[in-house]
Structures are given as structure tokens and as C-alpha cells.
Amino acid sequence: MRTLTRRGALGLGAGAAAAAGLAGCADSSSDGSRKTPGSGKNRSASPQSSPTATARPLGDGSTAFTGKQPHQPAAPQPLEPGQEPPQFVVFSWDGAGEVGNGLFPRFLDLAKEHGAAMTFFLSGLYLLPESKKRLYDPPNNPRGASDIGYLSDAHIKETLKGLHRAWLEGHEIGTHFNGHFCGDGHGSVAHWTPKQWRSEIDQAKSFVQRWRTNTGWTDLPALPFDYDKELVGGRTPCLLGQDKLLPTARALGWRYDASSPGGRQVWPDKKQGLWDLPLQQIPFPGRSFEVLSMDYNMLANQSLNSTNAPRHNHPRWREQSAQAYIQGFRRAYETNRAPLFIGNHFEQWNGGIYMDAVEEAIKHIAREKEKGGDVRMVSFRQFVDWIDVQKPEVLAGLRTLEVGQRPAGGWKEFLKDTAASSPGASATSSAGA
């Protein structure tokens, strides 16, 4: 596998373990908006769903309790003896800011069309106006600093609309924290203490819960969720700092973390009490190494971190990226049924080919579901709901299956001796709980 970082590529030889972090957020321009090469497809948004109950404003009215989240799957059940596990696929988005390229509504439309739920890891600063940037006090960095900049007011409004629609349509709102500080310097998230992570999380939540006060806007509806209850997981900038984050995340009652710096297509375990749900090594067609299941890592391997490489390369790279996702899906679906975790950014890098690749992968996976396979495109939170009700011995058995390994004798034989547990029973990891 070869893993590369957003700021400074680090190539690892084929077969080497993944140890490098990964970012992928665009640089900020002088006016506070992000640079996004090319233009996106503007697809009309579908009508928003209605809240399930009368809204009860929270705090300054930036958020509101609106009842149970709509469009959630039925309560998960434990696997029956000999039952084949579902194939879970999680598409997630780092930053989750709409910057005028139409990508947020484009993928909300696509998810709705194909019955998919996704996770949006919101960068809290994307709801904070640049004029109020000194409200942000990042650990080990100057007040108001940020390595991803701040959105324009117009783009903050579009981001709020996207988040509002996303939650009402059944998607999860996680966190990508705030300033996206990477690298090896003192200010990097790699060196933050548990106490500093708590400060970063508190601020990220505050920017969501107080956007109305910070902007002064009264023409947009409240976000229709209680972020104190909604937030149960995140992904750190550049996949750095997980070990020091986890004690804080566990104390806050989080259920999972998606920050491991590179995993494999096997069934997950817990780390420090939280489900460890990493990006994964997947096949990279035509190359002798595997690639991390994220759009930026494909870009970095194809164009050596250039986001605007010569156009004649784009069709080949688009197909290579789409096939990486598709082959990663098929390898799991046809063998050990390990969940597939994919990370993305709302960016038009290299003419938007990575967004087209993600769309092609979603459509391919949806066709497999339409053929009658138990394929589920879910959010991280929904996947954790399912794995939490599985029996520990079932999960331990699933973890014995290596990448691309089929269960001996088929699923009926492999899981025949497992007894179903009662619905709602909570499973714990065999090693990491």
C-alpha cells in the first residue's frame, strides 16, 4: 500500500504498513472562501422532509430538538445462526462545507435516489464567519488561526442548508473538528493532549450550537438536531492524534472513531472502548500497491498532490479511482463481508474526477442491492447500531476472516453454532472493549 499526506507526500513501498496521515482539505483564499478548481454540477435539491415533532429551540435557537430523526432503518437484529452478514458500505465526507460547487446537494440527491445514508464530518469553523475568527482558540496555535481558512458568508449559508437537509433525510452529522492543523510542528493535532482535544471538541460544538449568535442571521431555520446527542464520532485532520483523542471521546460518550491512519478490509474491533473504523487499503487497478479508500489519497498517487494536473490524464484516473472503490466493494462482498469505509471531500480536484468516481461507485453498489443482495449503504452511526447488537462470539468469528478470505464451508457452516441473542443486547469487543 502507498499512503500520502495532504501536505508533503510520503510514499510507502508496496506491502509496507500504513503509517502516514492523510488530509485533503483545500487551501483558503484571501477572501475566506476555499479554492475549488473547476465547477460542479448544480443539481436541484429535492424538497426537504418535515421534522417528526414540533421544534423545540435549543440555546440561542441555532439548533432545535425536532424529535426522532427521520428515515432511519428498522431496529437492528443479531445475526441468526448460519446467517450471512450484510455488506455494509459507509460513504463519509470530511469538512462537509458547501463552497458553491454544488457538491453537497449533488450527493444528497444521489443518496436519496439510491436509498443511501452517509456521514458528514463537519468542520466547526465552516459555520463561523471570518469576522469572528478570534472566537476560535486552537490548541498550540495563535487565536483565530486555521489551516483550512474560513468560508464566505454565502457559503456558510449554503452549508447550513445542506446540513439541515442532510439530517432530515437520515444522514449523520459527525465532526472533523476545526482548524485542520497537520504536519510535525508543535501546533499539529498529532501532539494535542486529551485536555486540548476536549477544548477543540467543545469549540466545534459551540460553533454549531451558536451560529445564529455568531452570524446575526435570522433568515435561516435552526439545524433540526441536538448536537450534544447527535455527535457520537469523528475523524481527525490528516488521521493524526487518535491515541490522545480517544480518552476524551470515550469520556464524552462517543461510540466510534474514524481516525486510524490506514486499516484493512477486515471486521473492526474496539480501541480504548470505541469502535475503531478506519479508512482501508483497497485494490488500485494497474498498480503494485493498494491505496487508502479516500479520494485525496488516489489523487496524491496519481498526480503527486497536484489538484490541477493535465486534462488528458483525467479519464484514465477517473476510471482507476472508480474501479478502486468498486473492486474494494466486490472483494469484501464476495468474501469476508467486512464493512467498507470510504472517505471523500467536496472538491473538484483534477476536474472533479474523484466526485464522478464516487458517484459511479455508489451506482454500482446500488445495482448490486437491486439484484437482491443484502447490501446496505449506511452512516457510521447506523453501522455501530448494528454491530452493537451482535454477539461477541459472532464478531470474534468474523474477525478471523482475513482480507479476501471466504468463510470455510460457506456462511451457514461458518456461523452455524452461533445462538441468536435477544434484540438490543449489547456486544463488546473480544479484545478492545
Protein backbone atom coordinates (compact mmCIF):
# COMPACT_ATOMS: atom_id res chain seq x y z
CA MET A 1 0.00 0.00 0.00
CA ARG A 2 1.05 3.59 -0.53
CA THR A 3 -0.35 6.33 1.70
CA LEU A 4 0.30 10.01 1.17
CA THR A 5 -0.33 13.06 3.28
CA ARG A 6 -2.06 16.23 2.10
CA ARG A 7 0.90 18.44 2.95
CA GLY A 8 4.03 16.62 1.89
CA ALA A 9 3.66 13.25 0.23
CA LEU A 10 5.06 10.20 1.95
CA GLY A 11 5.26 7.13 -0.26
CA LEU A 12 5.46 3.70 1.31
CA GLY A 13 6.66 0.80 -0.80
CA ALA A 14 4.27 -1.94 -1.85
CA GLY A 15 3.37 -4.10 1.10
CA ALA A 16 4.57 -1.58 3.70
CA ALA A 17 2.32 -0.85 6.65
CA ALA A 18 0.28 2.34 6.52
CA ALA A 19 1.57 4.86 8.99
CA ALA A 20 1.19 8.21 7.26
CA GLY A 21 -1.62 10.64 7.99
CA LEU A 22 -3.99 11.91 5.37
CA ALA A 23 -5.70 15.23 4.91
CA GLY A 24 -7.19 16.68 1.79
CA CYS A 25 -8.88 19.97 2.58
CA ALA A 26 -8.45 22.79 0.10
CA ASP A 27 -6.38 25.85 0.85
CA SER A 28 -8.15 29.06 1.71
CA SER A 29 -8.15 32.12 -0.50
CA SER A 30 -7.73 35.70 0.63
CA ASP A 31 -11.47 36.35 0.74
CA GLY A 32 -12.08 33.49 3.14
CA SER A 33 -13.63 31.12 0.64
CA ARG A 34 -11.90 27.91 -0.40
CA LYS A 35 -10.21 27.39 -3.75
CA THR A 36 -12.08 24.76 -5.70
CA PRO A 37 -10.73 24.03 -9.18
CA GLY A 38 -13.35 23.61 -11.87
CA SER A 39 -17.09 23.85 -11.48
CA GLY A 40 -19.50 21.32 -10.11
CA LYS A 41 -22.81 20.07 -11.41
CA ASN A 42 -25.59 22.05 -9.80
CA ARG A 43 -28.42 19.65 -9.23
CA SER A 44 -31.70 20.90 -7.87
CA ALA A 45 -32.36 19.94 -4.28
CA SER A 46 -35.35 17.78 -3.54
CA PRO A 47 -37.98 19.08 -1.12
CA GLN A 48 -36.92 18.86 2.49
CA SER A 49 -38.52 16.38 4.82
CA SER A 50 -40.54 17.67 7.73
CA PRO A 51 -39.39 17.27 11.32
CA THR A 52 -41.09 14.49 13.23
CA ALA A 53 -42.31 16.77 16.01
CA THR A 54 -42.79 20.42 16.83
CA ALA A 55 -39.36 22.00 17.03
CA ARG A 56 -38.11 22.98 20.49
CA PRO A 57 -35.34 25.61 20.18
CA LEU A 58 -32.09 24.93 21.98
CA GLY A 59 -29.71 27.60 23.26
CA ASP A 60 -29.86 30.68 21.06
CA GLY A 61 -32.04 28.91 18.51
CA SER A 62 -29.20 27.77 16.25
CA THR A 63 -30.32 24.18 16.81
CA ALA A 64 -33.59 22.61 17.84
CA PHE A 65 -34.91 19.32 19.10
CA THR A 66 -37.35 18.03 16.47
CA GLY A 67 -37.94 14.50 17.69
CA LYS A 68 -36.64 11.21 16.36
CA GLN A 69 -34.53 11.51 13.22
CA PRO A 70 -36.49 10.59 10.08
CA HIS A 71 -35.50 7.94 7.55
CA GLN A 72 -33.71 5.57 9.90
CA PRO A 73 -33.54 1.80 9.33
CA ALA A 74 -35.53 -0.64 11.41
CA ALA A 75 -34.06 -1.61 14.77
CA PRO A 76 -31.03 -3.84 14.08
CA GLN A 77 -31.20 -7.53 14.93
CA PRO A 78 -28.48 -10.01 15.85
CA LEU A 79 -27.48 -12.49 13.17
CA GLU A 80 -29.27 -15.80 13.34
CA PRO A 81 -27.18 -18.99 13.42
CA GLY A 82 -25.72 -19.53 9.95
CA GLN A 83 -26.99 -16.21 8.62
CA GLU A 84 -24.88 -14.39 6.05
CA PRO A 85 -23.80 -10.94 7.30
CA PRO A 86 -24.96 -7.87 5.39
CA GLN A 87 -22.44 -5.98 3.28
CA PHE A 88 -22.15 -2.53 4.84
CA VAL A 89 -20.70 0.42 2.95
CA VAL A 90 -20.13 3.82 4.61
CA PHE A 91 -19.52 6.90 2.48
CA SER A 92 -18.25 9.81 4.59
CA TRP A 93 -17.31 13.42 3.84
CA ASP A 94 -14.55 15.37 5.61
CA GLY A 95 -15.28 19.06 6.22
CA ALA A 96 -18.78 18.94 4.72
CA GLY A 97 -18.72 22.55 3.58
CA GLU A 98 -20.64 23.72 0.52
CA VAL A 99 -18.45 26.19 -1.34
CA GLY A 100 -20.58 26.98 -4.37
CA ASN A 101 -19.69 23.94 -6.46
CA GLY A 102 -22.99 22.17 -5.84
CA LEU A 103 -21.39 19.01 -4.46
CA PHE A 104 -23.29 18.88 -1.17
CA PRO A 105 -26.74 18.83 -2.84
CA ARG A 106 -25.43 16.63 -5.66
CA PHE A 107 -24.58 13.80 -3.27
CA LEU A 108 -27.67 14.33 -1.14
CA ASP A 109 -29.70 13.83 -4.32
CA LEU A 110 -27.68 10.75 -5.22
CA ALA A 111 -28.10 9.27 -1.74
CA LYS A 112 -31.84 9.83 -1.85
CA GLU A 113 -32.11 8.23 -5.29
CA HIS A 114 -30.32 5.07 -4.15
CA GLY A 115 -31.52 4.74 -0.55
CA ALA A 116 -28.14 5.53 0.98
CA ALA A 117 -27.27 7.18 4.27
CA MET A 118 -23.91 8.91 4.74
CA THR A 119 -21.81 10.55 7.45
CA PHE A 120 -20.85 14.21 7.16
CA PHE A 121 -17.84 15.10 9.32
CA LEU A 122 -18.44 18.83 9.71
CA SER A 123 -15.55 21.21 10.34
CA GLY A 124 -16.93 23.51 13.02
CA LEU A 125 -15.18 26.57 11.56
CA TYR A 126 -17.32 26.26 8.44
CA LEU A 127 -20.16 27.82 10.46
CA LEU A 128 -18.02 30.65 11.91
CA PRO A 129 -17.69 33.91 9.93
CA GLU A 130 -14.16 35.05 9.30
CA SER A 131 -15.03 38.35 11.00
CA LYS A 132 -15.46 36.34 14.22
CA LYS A 133 -12.43 34.11 13.79
CA ARG A 134 -10.85 35.22 17.07
CA LEU A 135 -13.58 33.30 18.86
CA TYR A 136 -11.56 30.22 17.91
CA ASP A 137 -8.70 29.46 20.30
CA PRO A 138 -6.89 26.45 18.76
CA PRO A 139 -4.51 24.44 20.95
CA ASN A 140 -0.84 25.35 20.41
CA ASN A 141 -1.75 27.84 17.67
CA PRO A 142 -2.49 31.59 17.53
CA ARG A 143 -6.06 32.62 18.24
CA GLY A 144 -8.10 32.62 15.04
CA ALA A 145 -5.59 30.52 13.10
CA SER A 146 -6.77 27.83 10.71
CA ASP A 147 -5.05 25.73 8.06
CA ILE A 148 -8.28 25.50 6.01
CA GLY A 149 -9.34 29.12 6.28
CA TYR A 150 -12.92 30.33 6.71
CA LEU A 151 -15.89 30.19 4.38
CA SER A 152 -17.55 33.25 2.89
CA ASP A 153 -20.89 34.24 4.41
CA ALA A 154 -22.71 32.95 1.32
CA HIS A 155 -21.01 29.58 1.62
CA ILE A 156 -21.79 29.32 5.34
CA LYS A 157 -25.46 29.79 4.48
CA GLU A 158 -25.28 27.07 1.83
CA THR A 159 -23.54 24.77 4.29
CA LEU A 160 -26.29 25.34 6.86
CA LYS A 161 -28.91 24.48 4.25
CA GLY A 162 -27.03 21.31 3.35
CA LEU A 163 -26.70 20.20 6.97
CA HIS A 164 -30.38 20.92 7.63
CA ARG A 165 -31.45 18.84 4.66
CA ALA A 166 -28.91 16.07 5.37
CA TRP A 167 -30.15 15.36 8.89
CA LEU A 168 -33.81 15.40 7.88
CA GLU A 169 -33.04 12.90 5.13
CA GLY A 170 -31.44 10.48 7.57
CA HIS A 171 -27.72 11.25 7.38
CA GLU A 172 -25.32 11.57 10.32
CA ILE A 173 -23.54 14.80 11.32
CA GLY A 174 -20.17 13.97 12.91
CA THR A 175 -17.15 16.22 13.35
CA HIS A 176 -13.89 16.94 11.54
CA PHE A 177 -13.01 19.30 14.41
CA ASN A 178 -11.88 22.83 13.43
CA GLY A 179 -8.53 24.19 12.25
CA HIS A 180 -7.11 21.13 10.47
CA PHE A 181 -3.57 21.52 11.80
CA CYS A 182 -1.31 18.78 10.44
CA GLY A 183 2.38 18.11 9.96
CA ASP A 184 5.03 17.63 12.62
CA GLY A 185 5.10 21.08 14.21
CA HIS A 186 4.16 21.97 17.79
CA GLY A 187 0.68 23.07 16.71
CA SER A 188 -0.17 19.83 14.92
CA VAL A 189 -3.12 17.78 16.16
CA ALA A 190 -0.60 14.93 16.39
CA HIS A 191 0.71 16.50 19.62
CA TRP A 192 -2.50 17.60 21.32
CA THR A 193 -3.26 16.27 24.80
CA PRO A 194 -6.63 14.79 25.84
CA LYS A 195 -7.41 18.10 27.56
CA GLN A 196 -6.64 20.02 24.38
CA TRP A 197 -8.83 17.69 22.35
CA ARG A 198 -11.65 18.44 24.80
CA SER A 199 -11.20 22.16 24.13
CA GLU A 200 -11.25 21.56 20.36
CA ILE A 201 -14.43 19.47 20.61
CA ASP A 202 -16.18 21.97 22.88
CA GLN A 203 -15.40 24.73 20.39
CA ALA A 204 -16.51 22.69 17.40
CA LYS A 205 -19.84 22.04 19.09
CA SER A 206 -20.17 25.67 20.12
CA PHE A 207 -19.76 26.89 16.53
CA VAL A 208 -22.63 24.59 15.52
CA GLN A 209 -24.80 25.48 18.51
CA ARG A 210 -24.21 29.24 18.31
CA TRP A 211 -24.05 30.01 14.60
CA ARG A 212 -27.05 32.33 14.94
CA THR A 213 -25.33 34.45 17.60
CA ASN A 214 -22.02 34.45 15.73
CA THR A 215 -23.55 35.42 12.38
CA GLY A 216 -26.53 37.51 13.45
CA TRP A 217 -28.65 35.83 10.78
CA THR A 218 -32.37 35.29 11.35
CA ASP A 219 -33.43 34.23 7.84
CA LEU A 220 -32.44 30.55 8.10
CA PRO A 221 -34.12 27.81 10.14
CA ALA A 222 -32.45 26.15 13.10
CA LEU A 223 -30.46 22.99 12.48
CA PRO A 224 -33.02 20.30 13.37
CA PHE A 225 -30.96 18.30 15.86
CA ASP A 226 -29.45 18.46 19.32
CA TYR A 227 -25.72 18.30 18.60
CA ASP A 228 -24.93 17.19 22.15
CA LYS A 229 -26.83 13.99 21.36
CA GLU A 230 -26.12 13.78 17.63
CA LEU A 231 -22.34 13.87 17.90
CA VAL A 232 -21.04 10.34 18.58
CA GLY A 233 -17.93 10.16 16.39
CA GLY A 234 -15.47 11.97 14.18
CA ARG A 235 -12.37 11.86 12.01
CA THR A 236 -9.26 13.83 12.97
CA PRO A 237 -7.43 16.06 10.48
CA CYS A 238 -4.85 14.08 8.49
CA LEU A 239 -5.71 10.98 10.54
CA LEU A 240 -3.41 12.21 13.29
CA GLY A 241 -3.71 12.23 17.08
CA GLN A 242 -6.16 9.37 17.64
CA ASP A 243 -4.48 7.90 20.73
CA LYS A 244 -4.77 11.14 22.71
CA LEU A 245 -8.25 11.86 21.36
CA LEU A 246 -9.78 8.54 22.40
CA PRO A 247 -9.77 9.05 26.21
CA THR A 248 -11.64 12.32 25.72
CA ALA A 249 -14.02 10.84 23.16
CA ARG A 250 -14.81 7.95 25.49
CA ALA A 251 -15.46 10.33 28.41
CA LEU A 252 -17.88 12.25 26.19
CA GLY A 253 -19.80 9.08 25.40
CA TRP A 254 -18.75 8.81 21.77
CA ARG A 255 -19.33 5.43 20.18
CA TYR A 256 -16.72 5.26 17.43
CA ASP A 257 -13.72 6.98 15.88
CA ALA A 258 -12.77 7.00 12.18
CA SER A 259 -9.24 8.40 12.57
CA SER A 260 -6.99 5.34 12.34
CA PRO A 261 -4.18 6.01 9.83
CA GLY A 262 -4.99 3.19 7.47
CA GLY A 263 -6.73 -0.14 8.03
CA ARG A 264 -7.51 -3.35 6.16
CA GLN A 265 -10.72 -4.86 4.84
CA VAL A 266 -11.43 -6.96 7.90
CA TRP A 267 -14.11 -6.81 10.58
CA PRO A 268 -13.42 -4.00 13.09
CA ASP A 269 -12.61 -4.13 16.78
CA LYS A 270 -12.66 -1.59 19.58
CA LYS A 271 -9.81 0.64 20.67
CA GLN A 272 -9.91 2.23 24.13
CA GLY A 273 -13.60 1.38 24.31
CA LEU A 274 -14.68 2.91 20.98
CA TRP A 275 -15.26 1.17 17.68
CA ASP A 276 -12.17 1.76 15.53
CA LEU A 277 -13.47 2.33 11.98
CA PRO A 278 -10.52 3.23 9.73
CA LEU A 279 -10.15 4.07 6.09
CA GLN A 280 -8.94 0.90 4.39
CA GLN A 281 -6.41 -0.39 1.89
CA ILE A 282 -8.23 -1.29 -1.32
CA PRO A 283 -7.04 -2.51 -4.73
CA PHE A 284 -5.55 0.15 -7.01
CA PRO A 285 -6.01 -1.14 -10.57
CA GLY A 286 -2.82 -1.23 -12.62
CA ARG A 287 -0.55 -0.60 -9.63
CA SER A 288 1.52 -2.98 -7.50
CA PHE A 289 0.31 -1.44 -4.23
CA GLU A 290 -3.05 -0.77 -2.63
CA VAL A 291 -4.45 2.69 -1.95
CA LEU A 292 -6.29 4.17 1.02
CA SER A 293 -10.05 4.39 0.48
CA MET A 294 -10.15 8.18 0.16
CA ASP A 295 -10.32 10.49 -2.84
CA TYR A 296 -7.27 12.55 -1.89
CA ASN A 297 -5.04 9.52 -1.49
CA MET A 298 -5.89 8.48 -5.04
CA LEU A 299 -5.14 11.99 -6.27
CA ALA A 300 -1.81 12.04 -4.45
CA ASN A 301 -0.72 8.76 -6.01
CA GLN A 302 -1.92 9.74 -9.48
CA SER A 303 -0.82 13.37 -9.76
CA LEU A 304 1.68 13.72 -6.89
CA ASN A 305 -0.54 16.12 -4.91
CA SER A 306 -1.40 18.30 -7.91
CA THR A 307 -5.09 19.20 -7.91
CA ASN A 308 -5.00 20.57 -11.45
CA ALA A 309 -2.97 18.07 -13.46
CA PRO A 310 -3.08 17.90 -17.30
CA ARG A 311 -6.57 17.08 -18.52
CA HIS A 312 -5.50 14.26 -20.83
CA ASN A 313 -4.89 12.12 -17.72
CA HIS A 314 -8.34 12.68 -16.24
CA PRO A 315 -10.38 9.93 -18.00
CA ARG A 316 -7.86 7.21 -17.07
CA TRP A 317 -7.56 8.41 -13.48
CA ARG A 318 -11.33 8.70 -13.13
CA GLU A 319 -11.79 5.09 -14.18
CA GLN A 320 -8.91 3.90 -12.00
CA SER A 321 -10.42 5.61 -8.94
CA ALA A 322 -13.92 4.30 -9.60
CA GLN A 323 -12.60 0.78 -10.05
CA ALA A 324 -10.60 1.03 -6.82
CA TYR A 325 -13.82 1.64 -4.88
CA ILE A 326 -15.73 -0.99 -6.87
CA GLN A 327 -13.03 -3.64 -6.53
CA GLY A 328 -12.77 -2.92 -2.81
CA PHE A 329 -16.52 -3.42 -2.53
CA ARG A 330 -16.52 -6.62 -4.57
CA ARG A 331 -13.60 -8.11 -2.65
CA ALA A 332 -15.49 -7.77 0.62
CA TYR A 333 -18.95 -8.60 -0.77
CA GLU A 334 -17.77 -11.85 -2.35
CA THR A 335 -15.59 -12.99 0.57
CA ASN A 336 -15.48 -11.93 4.24
CA ARG A 337 -18.25 -9.29 4.10
CA ALA A 338 -16.11 -6.81 6.04
CA PRO A 339 -17.66 -3.33 6.06
CA LEU A 340 -16.18 -0.91 3.53
CA PHE A 341 -15.35 2.61 4.77
CA ILE A 342 -14.80 5.36 2.18
CA GLY A 343 -13.77 8.98 2.78
CA ASN A 344 -14.23 11.97 0.48
CA HIS A 345 -14.13 15.76 0.21
CA PHE A 346 -16.46 18.16 -1.58
CA GLU A 347 -13.73 19.18 -4.02
CA GLN A 348 -13.28 19.46 -7.79
CA TRP A 349 -9.70 18.23 -7.82
CA ASN A 350 -8.43 17.36 -11.31
CA GLY A 351 -11.64 18.48 -12.92
CA GLY A 352 -13.92 16.70 -10.45
CA ILE A 353 -12.92 13.19 -11.50
CA TYR A 354 -12.95 11.86 -7.92
CA MET A 355 -16.52 13.03 -7.39
CA ASP A 356 -17.51 11.26 -10.60
CA ALA A 357 -15.67 8.14 -9.38
CA VAL A 358 -17.57 8.17 -6.09
CA GLU A 359 -20.85 8.56 -7.96
CA GLU A 360 -20.01 5.62 -10.23
CA ALA A 361 -19.20 3.50 -7.18
CA ILE A 362 -22.47 4.40 -5.45
CA LYS A 363 -24.44 3.47 -8.56
CA HIS A 364 -22.57 0.16 -8.90
CA ILE A 365 -23.23 -0.75 -5.27
CA ALA A 366 -26.89 0.26 -5.64
CA ARG A 367 -27.25 -2.11 -8.62
CA GLU A 368 -25.92 -4.97 -6.51
CA LYS A 369 -28.54 -4.13 -3.89
CA GLU A 370 -31.26 -4.11 -6.55
CA LYS A 371 -30.25 -7.64 -7.57
CA GLY A 372 -31.40 -8.80 -4.15
CA GLY A 373 -28.16 -8.83 -2.18
CA ASP A 374 -28.17 -7.65 1.42
CA VAL A 375 -26.15 -4.52 0.68
CA ARG A 376 -26.59 -1.53 2.97
CA MET A 377 -25.18 1.95 2.39
CA VAL A 378 -25.32 3.42 5.88
CA SER A 379 -23.81 6.07 8.13
CA PHE A 380 -21.16 5.21 10.68
CA ARG A 381 -23.72 5.66 13.43
CA GLN A 382 -26.11 3.21 11.78
CA PHE A 383 -23.34 0.66 11.33
CA VAL A 384 -22.41 0.98 15.01
CA ASP A 385 -26.08 0.45 15.91
CA TRP A 386 -25.94 -2.87 14.07
CA ILE A 387 -22.59 -4.13 15.36
CA ASP A 388 -23.51 -3.23 18.94
CA VAL A 389 -26.31 -5.83 19.00
CA GLN A 390 -24.20 -8.70 17.62
CA LYS A 391 -22.98 -11.46 19.89
CA PRO A 392 -19.28 -11.21 20.92
CA GLU A 393 -18.59 -14.74 19.70
CA VAL A 394 -20.08 -13.94 16.30
CA LEU A 395 -17.88 -10.86 15.94
CA ALA A 396 -14.84 -12.81 17.13
CA GLY A 397 -15.51 -15.39 14.44
CA LEU A 398 -15.91 -12.74 11.75
CA ARG A 399 -12.58 -11.21 12.77
CA THR A 400 -10.80 -14.47 11.98
CA LEU A 401 -11.51 -13.92 8.28
CA GLU A 402 -8.60 -12.25 6.50
CA VAL A 403 -8.82 -9.81 3.61
CA GLY A 404 -10.46 -11.58 0.69
CA GLN A 405 -11.00 -14.81 2.67
CA ARG A 406 -14.26 -16.68 2.18
CA PRO A 407 -15.77 -18.47 5.20
CA ALA A 408 -14.89 -22.16 5.19
CA GLY A 409 -17.89 -24.18 4.04
CA GLY A 410 -19.95 -21.06 3.38
CA TRP A 411 -21.78 -18.84 5.83
CA LYS A 412 -24.26 -21.46 7.02
CA GLU A 413 -21.41 -23.70 8.08
CA PHE A 414 -19.15 -20.93 9.35
CA LEU A 415 -21.74 -19.38 11.69
CA LYS A 416 -23.92 -22.45 12.33
CA ASP A 417 -23.03 -22.80 16.01
CA THR A 418 -23.88 -19.21 16.99
CA ALA A 419 -27.02 -18.66 19.05
CA ALA A 420 -29.10 -15.56 18.44
CA SER A 421 -29.12 -13.04 21.24
CA SER A 422 -32.11 -11.01 22.25
CA PRO A 423 -32.71 -7.79 20.30
CA GLY A 424 -30.99 -4.85 21.94
CA ALA A 425 -28.36 -6.95 23.67
CA SER A 426 -25.07 -5.05 23.68
CA ALA A 427 -21.98 -6.79 22.35
CA THR A 428 -18.47 -5.97 23.46
CA SER A 429 -15.29 -6.43 21.51
CA SER A 430 -13.29 -9.56 22.25
CA ALA A 431 -10.10 -7.56 22.63
CA GLY A 432 -10.59 -3.84 22.74
CA ALA A 433 -13.61 -3.14 24.93
